[in-house]
C-alpha atoms as a PDB file:
ATOM      1  CA  UNK A   1     211.724  56.371 -62.130  1.00  0.00           C
ATOM      2  CA  UNK A   2     210.216  59.810 -62.507  1.00  0.00           C
ATOM      3  CA  UNK A   3     210.156  60.059 -58.612  1.00  0.00           C
ATOM      4  CA  UNK A   4     213.975  59.525 -58.418  1.00  0.00           C
ATOM      5  CA  UNK A   5     214.590  62.092 -61.143  1.00  0.00           C
ATOM      6  CA  UNK A   6     212.473  64.729 -59.185  1.00  0.00           C
ATOM      7  CA  UNK A   7     214.462  63.905 -56.090  1.00  0.00           C
ATOM      8  CA  UNK A   8     217.700  64.243 -57.946  1.00  0.00           C
ATOM      9  CA  UNK A   9     216.744  67.623 -59.358  1.00  0.00           C
ATOM     10  CA  UNK A  10     215.274  68.898 -56.155  1.00  0.00           C
ATOM     11  CA  UNK A  11     218.562  67.845 -54.269  1.00  0.00           C
ATOM     12  CA  UNK A  12     220.720  69.635 -56.965  1.00  0.00           C
ATOM     13  CA  UNK A  13     218.611  72.855 -56.726  1.00  0.00           C
ATOM     14  CA  UNK A  14     218.825  72.995 -53.000  1.00  0.00           C
ATOM     15  CA  UNK A  15     222.543  72.507 -53.221  1.00  0.00           C
ATOM     16  CA  UNK A  16     223.007  75.344 -55.854  1.00  0.00           C
ATOM     17  CA  UNK A  17     220.705  77.636 -53.600  1.00  0.00           C
ATOM     18  CA  UNK A  18     222.841  76.932 -50.550  1.00  0.00           C
ATOM     19  CA  UNK A  19     226.065  77.703 -52.360  1.00  0.00           C
ATOM     20  CA  UNK A  20     224.647  80.900 -53.743  1.00  0.00           C
ATOM     21  CA  UNK A  21     223.424  81.888 -50.141  1.00  0.00           C
ATOM     22  CA  UNK A  22     226.891  81.212 -48.713  1.00  0.00           C
ATOM     23  CA  UNK A  23     228.497  83.375 -51.419  1.00  0.00           C
ATOM     24  CA  UNK A  24     225.938  86.170 -50.799  1.00  0.00           C
ATOM     25  CA  UNK A  25     226.911  86.006 -46.975  1.00  0.00           C
ATOM     26  CA  UNK A  26     230.631  86.076 -47.826  1.00  0.00           C
ATOM     27  CA  UNK A  27     230.095  89.110 -50.196  1.00  0.00           C
ATOM     28  CA  UNK A  28     228.144  90.859 -47.240  1.00  0.00           C
ATOM     29  CA  UNK A  29     230.797  90.320 -44.746  1.00  0.00           C
ATOM     30  CA  UNK A  30     233.546  91.457 -47.296  1.00  0.00           C
ATOM     31  CA  UNK A  31     231.691  94.767 -47.863  1.00  0.00           C
ATOM     32  CA  UNK A  32     231.159  95.443 -44.330  1.00  0.00           C
ATOM     33  CA  UNK A  33     234.800  94.741 -43.419  1.00  0.00           C
ATOM     34  CA  UNK A  34     236.026  97.119 -46.240  1.00  0.00           C
ATOM     35  CA  UNK A  35     233.824 100.053 -44.914  1.00  0.00           C
ATOM     36  CA  UNK A  36     235.297 101.487 -41.538  1.00  0.00           C
ATOM     37  CA  UNK A  37     232.112 103.438 -41.061  1.00  0.00           C
ATOM     38  CA  UNK A  38     230.357 100.153 -40.249  1.00  0.00           C
ATOM     39  CA  UNK A  39     232.862  99.160 -37.551  1.00  0.00           C
ATOM     40  CA  UNK A  40     231.724  99.131 -33.884  1.00  0.00           C
ATOM     41  CA  UNK A  41     232.886  97.901 -30.544  1.00  0.00           C
ATOM     42  CA  UNK A  42     232.294  94.669 -28.658  1.00  0.00           C
ATOM     43  CA  UNK A  43     232.554  93.794 -24.933  1.00  0.00           C
ATOM     44  CA  UNK A  44     232.774  90.046 -23.811  1.00  0.00           C
ATOM     45  CA  UNK A  45     231.174  89.360 -20.474  1.00  0.00           C
ATOM     46  CA  UNK A  46     233.027  86.034 -20.057  1.00  0.00           C
ATOM     47  CA  UNK A  47     235.873  85.483 -22.435  1.00  0.00           C
ATOM     48  CA  UNK A  48     237.338  82.631 -20.317  1.00  0.00           C
ATOM     49  CA  UNK A  49     235.186  80.015 -18.634  1.00  0.00           C
ATOM     50  CA  UNK A  50     236.203  77.243 -16.260  1.00  0.00           C
ATOM     51  CA  UNK A  51     233.567  74.417 -16.529  1.00  0.00           C
ATOM     52  CA  UNK A  52     235.006  72.606 -13.575  1.00  0.00           C
ATOM     53  CA  UNK A  53     235.444  68.702 -13.617  1.00  0.00           C
ATOM     54  CA  UNK A  54     233.549  66.564 -15.960  1.00  0.00           C
ATOM     55  CA  UNK A  55     233.440  62.714 -16.716  1.00  0.00           C
ATOM     56  CA  UNK A  56     234.988  61.409 -19.850  1.00  0.00           C
ATOM     57  CA  UNK A  57     232.028  60.815 -22.160  1.00  0.00           C
ATOM     58  CA  UNK A  58     230.224  64.007 -21.048  1.00  0.00           C
ATOM     59  CA  UNK A  59     229.043  66.738 -23.426  1.00  0.00           C
ATOM     60  CA  UNK A  60     229.912  70.155 -22.095  1.00  0.00           C
ATOM     61  CA  UNK A  61     227.869  73.225 -23.244  1.00  0.00           C
ATOM     62  CA  UNK A  62     229.628  76.613 -22.808  1.00  0.00           C
ATOM     63  CA  UNK A  63     228.058  79.877 -23.565  1.00  0.00           C
ATOM     64  CA  UNK A  64     229.970  83.187 -24.207  1.00  0.00           C
ATOM     65  CA  UNK A  65     228.025  86.548 -24.120  1.00  0.00           C
ATOM     66  CA  UNK A  66     228.896  89.802 -25.901  1.00  0.00           C
ATOM     67  CA  UNK A  67     227.370  93.205 -25.855  1.00  0.00           C
ATOM     68  CA  UNK A  68     227.536  95.598 -28.909  1.00  0.00           C
ATOM     69  CA  UNK A  69     229.067  98.639 -27.147  1.00  0.00           C
ATOM     70  CA  UNK A  70     229.271 100.641 -30.362  1.00  0.00           C
ATOM     71  CA  UNK A  71     226.746 102.657 -32.303  1.00  0.00           C
ATOM     72  CA  UNK A  72     226.501 100.413 -35.606  1.00  0.00           C
ATOM     73  CA  UNK A  73     225.266  96.886 -35.795  1.00  0.00           C
ATOM     74  CA  UNK A  74     227.675  94.157 -34.743  1.00  0.00           C
ATOM     75  CA  UNK A  75     228.269  91.120 -37.014  1.00  0.00           C
ATOM     76  CA  UNK A  76     229.808  87.962 -35.788  1.00  0.00           C
ATOM     77  CA  UNK A  77     231.287  85.788 -38.698  1.00  0.00           C
ATOM     78  CA  UNK A  78     233.906  83.156 -39.235  1.00  0.00           C
ATOM     79  CA  UNK A  79     233.389  81.756 -35.678  1.00  0.00           C
ATOM     80  CA  UNK A  80     235.583  78.779 -35.340  1.00  0.00           C
ATOM     81  CA  UNK A  81     236.573  76.168 -32.773  1.00  0.00           C
ATOM     82  CA  UNK A  82     240.267  75.564 -32.228  1.00  0.00           C
ATOM     83  CA  UNK A  83     239.861  71.810 -32.565  1.00  0.00           C
ATOM     84  CA  UNK A  84     237.547  68.965 -33.851  1.00  0.00           C
ATOM     85  CA  UNK A  85     236.422  68.168 -30.295  1.00  0.00           C
ATOM     86  CA  UNK A  86     234.122  71.394 -30.151  1.00  0.00           C
ATOM     87  CA  UNK A  87     231.137  72.526 -32.235  1.00  0.00           C
ATOM     88  CA  UNK A  88     230.039  76.177 -32.323  1.00  0.00           C
ATOM     89  CA  UNK A  89     226.901  78.033 -33.093  1.00  0.00           C
ATOM     90  CA  UNK A  90     226.487  81.766 -32.690  1.00  0.00           C
ATOM     91  CA  UNK A  91     224.235  84.809 -33.294  1.00  0.00           C
ATOM     92  CA  UNK A  92     224.159  85.217 -36.980  1.00  0.00           C
ATOM     93  CA  UNK A  93     221.701  88.199 -37.358  1.00  0.00           C
ATOM     94  CA  UNK A  94     223.141  91.703 -36.691  1.00  0.00           C
ATOM     95  CA  UNK A  95     223.446  92.661 -33.090  1.00  0.00           C
ATOM     96  CA  UNK A  96     222.108  96.227 -32.557  1.00  0.00           C
ATOM     97  CA  UNK A  97     223.846  98.634 -30.482  1.00  0.00           C
ATOM     98  CA  UNK A  98     223.222  98.011 -26.793  1.00  0.00           C
ATOM     99  CA  UNK A  99     222.000  94.360 -27.512  1.00  0.00           C
ATOM    100  CA  UNK A 100     223.732  91.035 -26.794  1.00  0.00           C
ATOM    101  CA  UNK A 101     224.845  88.118 -28.855  1.00  0.00           C
ATOM    102  CA  UNK A 102     226.264  84.781 -27.844  1.00  0.00           C
ATOM    103  CA  UNK A 103     228.616  82.022 -28.880  1.00  0.00           C
ATOM    104  CA  UNK A 104     227.578  78.594 -27.886  1.00  0.00           C
ATOM    105  CA  UNK A 105     230.303  75.927 -27.728  1.00  0.00           C
ATOM    106  CA  UNK A 106     229.620  72.128 -27.466  1.00  0.00           C
ATOM    107  CA  UNK A 107     232.681  70.325 -26.249  1.00  0.00           C
ATOM    108  CA  UNK A 108     232.706  66.437 -26.660  1.00  0.00           C
ATOM    109  CA  UNK A 109     234.981  65.042 -24.012  1.00  0.00           C
ATOM    110  CA  UNK A 110     235.199  61.715 -25.995  1.00  0.00           C
ATOM    111  CA  UNK A 111     237.203  63.459 -28.532  1.00  0.00           C
ATOM    112  CA  UNK A 112     239.714  64.813 -26.005  1.00  0.00           C
ATOM    113  CA  UNK A 113     241.863  63.380 -23.342  1.00  0.00           C
ATOM    114  CA  UNK A 114     241.646  62.922 -19.438  1.00  0.00           C
ATOM    115  CA  UNK A 115     243.336  65.634 -17.464  1.00  0.00           C
ATOM    116  CA  UNK A 116     243.339  69.413 -17.700  1.00  0.00           C
ATOM    117  CA  UNK A 117     242.147  70.803 -21.057  1.00  0.00           C
ATOM    118  CA  UNK A 118     242.491  74.406 -22.654  1.00  0.00           C
ATOM    119  CA  UNK A 119     240.322  75.089 -25.634  1.00  0.00           C
ATOM    120  CA  UNK A 120     239.700  78.103 -27.806  1.00  0.00           C
ATOM    121  CA  UNK A 121     237.130  79.555 -30.019  1.00  0.00           C
ATOM    122  CA  UNK A 122     238.056  82.227 -32.497  1.00  0.00           C
ATOM    123  CA  UNK A 123     235.523  85.003 -33.479  1.00  0.00           C
ATOM    124  CA  UNK A 124     235.828  87.449 -36.167  1.00  0.00           C
ATOM    125  CA  UNK A 125     233.509  90.650 -36.057  1.00  0.00           C
ATOM    126  CA  UNK A 126     233.310  94.166 -37.594  1.00  0.00           C
ATOM    127  CA  UNK A 127     235.475  95.875 -35.048  1.00  0.00           C
ATOM    128  CA  UNK A 128     238.048  98.453 -36.012  1.00  0.00           C
ATOM    129  CA  UNK A 129     241.111  96.166 -34.990  1.00  0.00           C
ATOM    130  CA  UNK A 130     239.989  93.326 -37.257  1.00  0.00           C
ATOM    131  CA  UNK A 131     241.676  91.001 -34.877  1.00  0.00           C
ATOM    132  CA  UNK A 132     239.732  87.888 -33.856  1.00  0.00           C
ATOM    133  CA  UNK A 133     238.563  87.447 -30.396  1.00  0.00           C
ATOM    134  CA  UNK A 134     239.909  84.551 -28.497  1.00  0.00           C
ATOM    135  CA  UNK A 135     237.536  82.906 -26.174  1.00  0.00           C
ATOM    136  CA  UNK A 136     238.666  80.061 -24.031  1.00  0.00           C
ATOM    137  CA  UNK A 137     237.339  77.437 -21.755  1.00  0.00           C
ATOM    138  CA  UNK A 138     239.183  75.079 -19.460  1.00  0.00           C
ATOM    139  CA  UNK A 139     238.278  72.314 -17.237  1.00  0.00           C
ATOM    140  CA  UNK A 140     239.455  68.928 -15.998  1.00  0.00           C
ATOM    141  CA  UNK A 141     238.259  65.636 -17.625  1.00  0.00           C
ATOM    142  CA  UNK A 142     238.334  62.541 -15.356  1.00  0.00           C
ATOM    143  CA  UNK A 143     237.830  58.819 -16.266  1.00  0.00           C
ATOM    144  CA  UNK A 144     235.331  56.720 -14.240  1.00  0.00           C
ATOM    145  CA  UNK A 145     238.367  54.905 -12.718  1.00  0.00           C
ATOM    146  CA  UNK A 146     240.197  58.174 -11.732  1.00  0.00           C
ATOM    147  CA  UNK A 147     236.951  59.774 -10.376  1.00  0.00           C
ATOM    148  CA  UNK A 148     236.297  56.767  -8.050  1.00  0.00           C
ATOM    149  CA  UNK A 149     239.947  57.014  -6.703  1.00  0.00           C
ATOM    150  CA  UNK A 150     239.523  60.621  -5.813  1.00  0.00           C
ATOM    151  CA  UNK A 151     236.389  59.935  -3.712  1.00  0.00           C
END
């Protein structure tokens, strides 16, 4: 019984710690976005990517690269895919001036449809225009049946 109690207390403690860290990160972002002296500039090397043709059932990994072209650290935050068929990960630590960061998108074709697709990833950062960057990727999804007809 004490083992179960220990695990419950540990789980509860980890949950509280995670919530507090999330709140701290939100407060950090809010303070950066309120202070225009912390704004910088960003350049995307590849804001639109065509991944070509993939089979239905494939997982497609797409990487977008950016460079901090300003003179203050660049913070990427609130990076969201445009739909549930895509998961994203991104550079979470500050990107120093002249350094690069990246957004990695993982697109699951099983959660999409055959044919031409157009998907977006929205990226907020500490740039002066405060407008999110719209990154996009496109491609064609074929089913096994349609790919054998095209050969």
